[in-house]
All heavy atoms as atom14 arrays in JSON, in Angstrom:
{
  "sequence": "IFFFLGLILAHPNIAFICVLFGLYIPILHRQIIREEDF",
  "atom14_mask": [
    [1, 1, 1, 1, 1, 1, 1, 1, 0, 0, 0, 0, 0, 0],
    [1, 1, 1, 1, 1, 1, 1, 1, 1, 1, 1, 0, 0, 0],
    [1, 1, 1, 1, 1, 1, 1, 1, 1, 1, 1, 0, 0, 0],
    [1, 1, 1, 1, 1, 1, 1, 1, 1, 1, 1, 0, 0, 0],
    [1, 1, 1, 1, 1, 1, 1, 1, 0, 0, 0, 0, 0, 0],
    [1, 1, 1, 1, 0, 0, 0, 0, 0, 0, 0, 0, 0, 0],
    [1, 1, 1, 1, 1, 1, 1, 1, 0, 0, 0, 0, 0, 0],
    [1, 1, 1, 1, 1, 1, 1, 1, 0, 0, 0, 0, 0, 0],
    [1, 1, 1, 1, 1, 1, 1, 1, 0, 0, 0, 0, 0, 0],
    [1, 1, 1, 1, 1, 0, 0, 0, 0, 0, 0, 0, 0, 0],
    [1, 1, 1, 1, 1, 1, 1, 1, 1, 1, 0, 0, 0, 0],
    [1, 1, 1, 1, 1, 1, 1, 0, 0, 0, 0, 0, 0, 0],
    [1, 1, 1, 1, 1, 1, 1, 1, 0, 0, 0, 0, 0, 0],
    [1, 1, 1, 1, 1, 1, 1, 1, 0, 0, 0, 0, 0, 0],
    [1, 1, 1, 1, 1, 0, 0, 0, 0, 0, 0, 0, 0, 0],
    [1, 1, 1, 1, 1, 1, 1, 1, 1, 1, 1, 0, 0, 0],
    [1, 1, 1, 1, 1, 1, 1, 1, 0, 0, 0, 0, 0, 0],
    [1, 1, 1, 1, 1, 1, 0, 0, 0, 0, 0, 0, 0, 0],
    [1, 1, 1, 1, 1, 1, 1, 0, 0, 0, 0, 0, 0, 0],
    [1, 1, 1, 1, 1, 1, 1, 1, 0, 0, 0, 0, 0, 0],
    [1, 1, 1, 1, 1, 1, 1, 1, 1, 1, 1, 0, 0, 0],
    [1, 1, 1, 1, 0, 0, 0, 0, 0, 0, 0, 0, 0, 0],
    [1, 1, 1, 1, 1, 1, 1, 1, 0, 0, 0, 0, 0, 0],
    [1, 1, 1, 1, 1, 1, 1, 1, 1, 1, 1, 1, 0, 0],
    [1, 1, 1, 1, 1, 1, 1, 1, 0, 0, 0, 0, 0, 0],
    [1, 1, 1, 1, 1, 1, 1, 0, 0, 0, 0, 0, 0, 0],
    [1, 1, 1, 1, 1, 1, 1, 1, 0, 0, 0, 0, 0, 0],
    [1, 1, 1, 1, 1, 1, 1, 1, 0, 0, 0, 0, 0, 0],
    [1, 1, 1, 1, 1, 1, 1, 1, 1, 1, 0, 0, 0, 0],
    [1, 1, 1, 1, 1, 1, 1, 1, 1, 1, 1, 0, 0, 0],
    [1, 1, 1, 1, 1, 1, 1, 1, 1, 0, 0, 0, 0, 0],
    [1, 1, 1, 1, 1, 1, 1, 1, 0, 0, 0, 0, 0, 0],
    [1, 1, 1, 1, 1, 1, 1, 1, 0, 0, 0, 0, 0, 0],
    [1, 1, 1, 1, 1, 1, 1, 1, 1, 1, 1, 0, 0, 0],
    [1, 1, 1, 1, 1, 1, 1, 1, 1, 0, 0, 0, 0, 0],
    [1, 1, 1, 1, 1, 1, 1, 1, 1, 0, 0, 0, 0, 0],
    [1, 1, 1, 1, 1, 1, 1, 1, 0, 0, 0, 0, 0, 0],
    [1, 1, 1, 1, 1, 1, 1, 1, 1, 1, 1, 0, 0, 0]
  ],
  "atom14_positions": [
    [[2.99, -3.69, -7.35], [3.95, -2.74, -7.94], [3.35, -1.34, -7.99], [4.0, -0.36, -7.61], [4.41, -3.23, -9.33], [5.26, -4.5, -9.18], [5.19, -2.14, -10.06], [5.54, -5.23, -10.48], [0.0, 0.0, 0.0], [0.0, 0.0, 0.0], [0.0, 0.0, 0.0], [0.0, 0.0, 0.0], [0.0, 0.0, 0.0], [0.0, 0.0, 0.0]],
    [[2.11, -1.23, -8.44], [1.44, 0.08, -8.47], [1.38, 0.68, -7.08], [1.65, 1.87, -6.89], [0.01, -0.06, -9.03], [-0.1, 0.21, -10.49], [0.32, -0.72, -11.42], [-0.63, 1.41, -10.95], [0.22, -0.48, -12.77], [-0.74, 1.66, -12.31], [-0.31, 0.72, -13.22], [0.0, 0.0, 0.0], [0.0, 0.0, 0.0], [0.0, 0.0, 0.0]],
    [[0.99, -0.14, -6.12], [0.84, 0.33, -4.75], [2.15, 0.93, -4.22], [2.18, 2.06, -3.74], [0.37, -0.82, -3.86], [0.25, -0.45, -2.42], [-0.76, 0.38, -1.99], [1.16, -0.93, -1.49], [-0.88, 0.73, -0.65], [1.05, -0.58, -0.16], [0.03, 0.25, 0.26], [0.0, 0.0, 0.0], [0.0, 0.0, 0.0], [0.0, 0.0, 0.0]],
    [[3.22, 0.16, -4.34], [4.49, 0.63, -3.79], [5.13, 1.72, -4.65], [5.79, 2.62, -4.13], [5.45, -0.54, -3.56], [5.05, -1.38, -2.39], [4.61, -2.68, -2.57], [5.1, -0.88, -1.1], [4.23, -3.46, -1.49], [4.72, -1.64, -0.01], [4.28, -2.94, -0.21], [0.0, 0.0, 0.0], [0.0, 0.0, 0.0], [0.0, 0.0, 0.0]],
    [[4.94, 1.66, -5.95], [5.44, 2.73, -6.82], [4.78, 4.05, -6.46], [5.43, 5.1, -6.38], [5.2, 2.38, -8.29], [5.72, 3.38, -9.31], [7.24, 3.55, -9.19], [5.36, 2.94, -10.72], [0.0, 0.0, 0.0], [0.0, 0.0, 0.0], [0.0, 0.0, 0.0], [0.0, 0.0, 0.0], [0.0, 0.0, 0.0], [0.0, 0.0, 0.0]],
    [[3.48, 4.01, -6.22], [2.76, 5.21, -5.79], [3.3, 5.75, -4.48], [3.49, 6.96, -4.32], [0.0, 0.0, 0.0], [0.0, 0.0, 0.0], [0.0, 0.0, 0.0], [0.0, 0.0, 0.0], [0.0, 0.0, 0.0], [0.0, 0.0, 0.0], [0.0, 0.0, 0.0], [0.0, 0.0, 0.0], [0.0, 0.0, 0.0], [0.0, 0.0, 0.0]],
    [[3.57, 4.85, -3.53], [4.13, 5.3, -2.25], [5.51, 5.92, -2.43], [5.87, 6.87, -1.74], [4.17, 4.15, -1.24], [2.83, 3.71, -0.65], [3.05, 2.59, 0.37], [2.09, 4.87, 0.0], [0.0, 0.0, 0.0], [0.0, 0.0, 0.0], [0.0, 0.0, 0.0], [0.0, 0.0, 0.0], [0.0, 0.0, 0.0], [0.0, 0.0, 0.0]],
    [[6.28, 5.38, -3.38], [7.6, 5.97, -3.64], [7.45, 7.38, -4.2], [8.21, 8.27, -3.84], [8.42, 5.09, -4.6], [9.09, 3.99, -3.83], [9.48, 5.91, -5.35], [9.99, 3.1, -4.64], [0.0, 0.0, 0.0], [0.0, 0.0, 0.0], [0.0, 0.0, 0.0], [0.0, 0.0, 0.0], [0.0, 0.0, 0.0], [0.0, 0.0, 0.0]],
    [[6.49, 7.58, -5.08], [6.27, 8.93, -5.62], [5.83, 9.89, -4.52], [6.18, 11.06, -4.53], [5.25, 8.89, -6.76], [5.7, 8.17, -8.02], [4.56, 8.1, -9.03], [6.92, 8.86, -8.65], [0.0, 0.0, 0.0], [0.0, 0.0, 0.0], [0.0, 0.0, 0.0], [0.0, 0.0, 0.0], [0.0, 0.0, 0.0], [0.0, 0.0, 0.0]],
    [[5.05, 9.38, -3.58], [4.59, 10.21, -2.46], [5.71, 10.46, -1.45], [5.75, 11.5, -0.8], [3.4, 9.56, -1.77], [0.0, 0.0, 0.0], [0.0, 0.0, 0.0], [0.0, 0.0, 0.0], [0.0, 0.0, 0.0], [0.0, 0.0, 0.0], [0.0, 0.0, 0.0], [0.0, 0.0, 0.0], [0.0, 0.0, 0.0], [0.0, 0.0, 0.0]],
    [[6.64, 9.51, -1.34], [7.75, 9.6, -0.38], [9.04, 9.18, -1.08], [9.6, 8.12, -0.77], [7.48, 8.69, 0.82], [6.15, 8.92, 1.45], [5.91, 9.93, 2.33], [4.96, 8.26, 1.27], [4.64, 9.89, 2.69], [4.05, 8.9, 2.06], [0.0, 0.0, 0.0], [0.0, 0.0, 0.0], [0.0, 0.0, 0.0], [0.0, 0.0, 0.0]],
    [[9.53, 9.99, -2.01], [10.72, 9.58, -2.79], [12.0, 9.67, -1.96], [12.47, 10.76, -1.66], [10.73, 10.56, -3.96], [10.03, 11.79, -3.44], [9.03, 11.3, -2.43], [0.0, 0.0, 0.0], [0.0, 0.0, 0.0], [0.0, 0.0, 0.0], [0.0, 0.0, 0.0], [0.0, 0.0, 0.0], [0.0, 0.0, 0.0], [0.0, 0.0, 0.0]],
    [[12.52, 8.52, -1.57], [13.78, 8.52, -0.84], [14.64, 7.35, -1.32], [14.14, 6.42, -1.96], [13.55, 8.48, 0.68], [12.79, 7.26, 1.13], [13.23, 6.13, 0.93], [11.62, 7.47, 1.75], [0.0, 0.0, 0.0], [0.0, 0.0, 0.0], [0.0, 0.0, 0.0], [0.0, 0.0, 0.0], [0.0, 0.0, 0.0], [0.0, 0.0, 0.0]],
    [[15.9, 7.42, -1.02], [16.86, 6.43, -1.51], [16.52, 5.02, -1.03], [16.56, 4.06, -1.8], [18.3, 6.81, -1.09], [18.73, 8.09, -1.81], [19.28, 5.69, -1.38], [20.02, 8.69, -1.28], [0.0, 0.0, 0.0], [0.0, 0.0, 0.0], [0.0, 0.0, 0.0], [0.0, 0.0, 0.0], [0.0, 0.0, 0.0], [0.0, 0.0, 0.0]],
    [[16.17, 4.89, 0.25], [15.89, 3.56, 0.8], [14.73, 2.9, 0.06], [14.83, 1.74, -0.36], [15.57, 3.67, 2.29], [0.0, 0.0, 0.0], [0.0, 0.0, 0.0], [0.0, 0.0, 0.0], [0.0, 0.0, 0.0], [0.0, 0.0, 0.0], [0.0, 0.0, 0.0], [0.0, 0.0, 0.0], [0.0, 0.0, 0.0], [0.0, 0.0, 0.0]],
    [[13.65, 3.62, -0.11], [12.46, 3.09, -0.76], [12.76, 2.69, -2.21], [12.41, 1.6, -2.66], [11.36, 4.17, -0.75], [9.98, 3.65, -0.52], [8.99, 4.52, -0.07], [9.63, 2.34, -0.74], [7.69, 4.08, 0.13], [8.34, 1.88, -0.54], [7.37, 2.76, -0.11], [0.0, 0.0, 0.0], [0.0, 0.0, 0.0], [0.0, 0.0, 0.0]],
    [[13.45, 3.56, -2.93], [13.79, 3.3, -4.33], [14.69, 2.08, -4.46], [14.45, 1.2, -5.3], [14.43, 4.56, -4.98], [13.37, 5.66, -5.11], [15.06, 4.23, -6.33], [13.92, 7.03, -5.45], [0.0, 0.0, 0.0], [0.0, 0.0, 0.0], [0.0, 0.0, 0.0], [0.0, 0.0, 0.0], [0.0, 0.0, 0.0], [0.0, 0.0, 0.0]],
    [[15.71, 1.99, -3.61], [16.65, 0.86, -3.68], [15.96, -0.47, -3.36], [16.18, -1.47, -4.04], [17.82, 1.08, -2.73], [18.96, 2.36, -3.31], [0.0, 0.0, 0.0], [0.0, 0.0, 0.0], [0.0, 0.0, 0.0], [0.0, 0.0, 0.0], [0.0, 0.0, 0.0], [0.0, 0.0, 0.0], [0.0, 0.0, 0.0], [0.0, 0.0, 0.0]],
    [[15.12, -0.47, -2.32], [14.46, -1.73, -1.94], [13.45, -2.14, -3.01], [13.4, -3.31, -3.39], [13.79, -1.6, -0.55], [12.97, -2.84, -0.23], [14.84, -1.39, 0.53], [0.0, 0.0, 0.0], [0.0, 0.0, 0.0], [0.0, 0.0, 0.0], [0.0, 0.0, 0.0], [0.0, 0.0, 0.0], [0.0, 0.0, 0.0], [0.0, 0.0, 0.0]],
    [[12.66, -1.18, -3.52], [11.65, -1.54, -4.52], [12.29, -2.01, -5.82], [11.99, -3.1, -6.3], [10.7, -0.37, -4.8], [9.59, -0.7, -5.8], [8.57, -1.65, -5.2], [8.9, 0.55, -6.29], [0.0, 0.0, 0.0], [0.0, 0.0, 0.0], [0.0, 0.0, 0.0], [0.0, 0.0, 0.0], [0.0, 0.0, 0.0], [0.0, 0.0, 0.0]],
    [[13.18, -1.18, -6.38], [13.73, -1.5, -7.7], [14.92, -2.46, -7.65], [15.13, -3.22, -8.59], [14.12, -0.22, -8.45], [12.92, 0.61, -8.82], [12.62, 1.77, -8.13], [12.09, 0.21, -9.86], [11.51, 2.53, -8.47], [10.98, 0.96, -10.2], [10.68, 2.12, -9.51], [0.0, 0.0, 0.0], [0.0, 0.0, 0.0], [0.0, 0.0, 0.0]],
    [[15.67, -2.43, -6.55], [16.85, -3.29, -6.46], [16.56, -4.68, -5.93], [17.26, -5.64, -6.28], [0.0, 0.0, 0.0], [0.0, 0.0, 0.0], [0.0, 0.0, 0.0], [0.0, 0.0, 0.0], [0.0, 0.0, 0.0], [0.0, 0.0, 0.0], [0.0, 0.0, 0.0], [0.0, 0.0, 0.0], [0.0, 0.0, 0.0], [0.0, 0.0, 0.0]],
    [[15.52, -4.82, -5.11], [15.23, -6.11, -4.49], [13.83, -6.63, -4.83], [13.68, -7.73, -5.34], [15.36, -6.0, -2.96], [16.74, -5.69, -2.42], [16.69, -5.43, -0.92], [17.69, -6.84, -2.71], [0.0, 0.0, 0.0], [0.0, 0.0, 0.0], [0.0, 0.0, 0.0], [0.0, 0.0, 0.0], [0.0, 0.0, 0.0], [0.0, 0.0, 0.0]],
    [[12.82, -5.83, -4.51], [11.44, -6.34, -4.57], [10.99, -6.68, -5.99], [10.53, -7.79, -6.24], [10.48, -5.34, -3.92], [9.07, -5.85, -3.86], [8.72, -6.87, -2.98], [8.08, -5.33, -4.69], [7.43, -7.36, -2.93], [6.79, -5.81, -4.64], [6.47, -6.82, -3.76], [5.18, -7.3, -3.72], [0.0, 0.0, 0.0], [0.0, 0.0, 0.0]],
    [[11.1, -5.73, -6.92], [10.6, -5.99, -8.27], [11.37, -7.14, -8.93], [10.73, -8.03, -9.53], [10.59, -4.71, -9.13], [9.47, -3.78, -8.62], [10.39, -5.03, -10.6], [9.37, -2.45, -9.31], [0.0, 0.0, 0.0], [0.0, 0.0, 0.0], [0.0, 0.0, 0.0], [0.0, 0.0, 0.0], [0.0, 0.0, 0.0], [0.0, 0.0, 0.0]],
    [[12.71, -7.22, -8.84], [13.39, -8.38, -9.45], [12.96, -9.72, -8.85], [12.73, -10.69, -9.59], [14.87, -8.12, -9.18], [14.98, -6.64, -9.01], [13.69, -6.23, -8.37], [0.0, 0.0, 0.0], [0.0, 0.0, 0.0], [0.0, 0.0, 0.0], [0.0, 0.0, 0.0], [0.0, 0.0, 0.0], [0.0, 0.0, 0.0], [0.0, 0.0, 0.0]],
    [[12.79, -9.8, -7.54], [12.42, -11.09, -6.95], [10.94, -11.39, -7.22], [10.55, -12.55, -7.38], [12.76, -11.16, -5.44], [12.84, -12.62, -4.98], [11.78, -10.47, -4.58], [14.14, -13.0, -4.44], [0.0, 0.0, 0.0], [0.0, 0.0, 0.0], [0.0, 0.0, 0.0], [0.0, 0.0, 0.0], [0.0, 0.0, 0.0], [0.0, 0.0, 0.0]],
    [[10.12, -10.36, -7.32], [8.71, -10.55, -7.68], [8.6, -11.06, -9.12], [7.83, -11.98, -9.41], [7.95, -9.23, -7.53], [6.45, -9.3, -7.63], [5.86, -10.05, -6.44], [5.86, -7.89, -7.68], [0.0, 0.0, 0.0], [0.0, 0.0, 0.0], [0.0, 0.0, 0.0], [0.0, 0.0, 0.0], [0.0, 0.0, 0.0], [0.0, 0.0, 0.0]],
    [[9.4, -10.48, -10.02], [9.4, -10.92, -11.42], [9.83, -12.39, -11.51], [9.23, -13.17, -12.25], [10.31, -10.04, -12.27], [10.36, -10.44, -13.7], [9.31, -10.23, -14.57], [11.32, -11.07, -14.42], [9.63, -10.72, -15.76], [10.84, -11.23, -15.69], [0.0, 0.0, 0.0], [0.0, 0.0, 0.0], [0.0, 0.0, 0.0], [0.0, 0.0, 0.0]],
    [[10.83, -12.76, -10.74], [11.29, -14.15, -10.7], [10.16, -15.07, -10.25], [9.94, -16.14, -10.81], [12.48, -14.27, -9.76], [12.97, -15.7, -9.55], [13.8, -15.8, -8.27], [13.96, -17.17, -7.87], [13.1, -17.88, -7.15], [11.99, -17.33, -6.73], [13.34, -19.13, -6.83], [0.0, 0.0, 0.0], [0.0, 0.0, 0.0], [0.0, 0.0, 0.0]],
    [[9.41, -14.64, -9.22], [8.28, -15.44, -8.73], [7.21, -15.58, -9.82], [6.65, -16.65, -10.0], [7.68, -14.79, -7.47], [6.55, -15.59, -6.85], [7.02, -16.9, -6.26], [8.17, -17.08, -5.89], [6.09, -17.85, -6.16], [0.0, 0.0, 0.0], [0.0, 0.0, 0.0], [0.0, 0.0, 0.0], [0.0, 0.0, 0.0], [0.0, 0.0, 0.0]],
    [[6.95, -14.51, -10.53], [5.96, -14.54, -11.62], [6.38, -15.54, -12.69], [5.56, -16.35, -13.15], [5.76, -13.13, -12.22], [5.0, -12.26, -11.23], [5.05, -13.18, -13.56], [4.99, -10.78, -11.57], [0.0, 0.0, 0.0], [0.0, 0.0, 0.0], [0.0, 0.0, 0.0], [0.0, 0.0, 0.0], [0.0, 0.0, 0.0], [0.0, 0.0, 0.0]],
    [[7.65, -15.52, -13.08], [8.15, -16.45, -14.1], [7.98, -17.89, -13.62], [7.54, -18.77, -14.37], [9.63, -16.15, -14.45], [9.78, -14.74, -15.02], [10.19, -17.2, -15.4], [9.01, -14.48, -16.28], [0.0, 0.0, 0.0], [0.0, 0.0, 0.0], [0.0, 0.0, 0.0], [0.0, 0.0, 0.0], [0.0, 0.0, 0.0], [0.0, 0.0, 0.0]],
    [[8.32, -18.14, -12.36], [8.18, -19.5, -11.8], [6.72, -19.94, -11.81], [6.39, -21.07, -12.16], [8.74, -19.56, -10.38], [10.27, -19.42, -10.36], [10.87, -19.76, -9.0], [10.71, -21.19, -8.78], [9.9, -21.73, -7.86], [9.2, -20.99, -7.07], [9.8, -23.03, -7.72], [0.0, 0.0, 0.0], [0.0, 0.0, 0.0], [0.0, 0.0, 0.0]],
    [[5.82, -19.03, -11.41], [4.4, -19.37, -11.37], [3.87, -19.6, -12.79], [3.08, -20.53, -13.02], [3.6, -18.28, -10.66], [3.85, -18.28, -9.16], [3.05, -17.24, -8.4], [2.08, -16.68, -8.95], [3.4, -16.98, -7.23], [0.0, 0.0, 0.0], [0.0, 0.0, 0.0], [0.0, 0.0, 0.0], [0.0, 0.0, 0.0], [0.0, 0.0, 0.0]],
    [[4.3, -18.78, -13.73], [3.84, -18.95, -15.11], [4.36, -20.26, -15.71], [3.63, -20.92, -16.46], [4.25, -17.75, -15.97], [3.42, -16.52, -15.66], [3.66, -15.38, -16.62], [4.61, -15.43, -17.42], [2.88, -14.42, -16.56], [0.0, 0.0, 0.0], [0.0, 0.0, 0.0], [0.0, 0.0, 0.0], [0.0, 0.0, 0.0], [0.0, 0.0, 0.0]],
    [[5.57, -20.67, -15.37], [6.09, -21.96, -15.84], [5.21, -23.09, -15.31], [4.89, -24.03, -16.05], [7.54, -22.17, -15.38], [8.53, -21.32, -16.16], [8.15, -20.79, -17.23], [9.68, -21.18, -15.68], [0.0, 0.0, 0.0], [0.0, 0.0, 0.0], [0.0, 0.0, 0.0], [0.0, 0.0, 0.0], [0.0, 0.0, 0.0], [0.0, 0.0, 0.0]],
    [[4.82, -23.01, -14.05], [3.93, -24.03, -13.48], [2.57, -24.02, -14.19], [2.03, -25.08, -14.53], [3.73, -23.79, -11.98], [2.62, -24.63, -11.41], [2.8, -26.0, -11.19], [1.38, -24.07, -11.12], [1.76, -26.77, -10.7], [0.34, -24.84, -10.63], [0.53, -26.2, -10.41], [0.0, 0.0, 0.0], [0.0, 0.0, 0.0], [0.0, 0.0, 0.0]]
  ]
}
């Protein structure tokens, strides 16, 4: 998250923001919850 958030700040564009916040972070959070349950 830090890595890609930093890249977004360096290259702030709609595509990057939508993919990171709309897709990547939610699915990553879901994966974290699944791993923590295990």
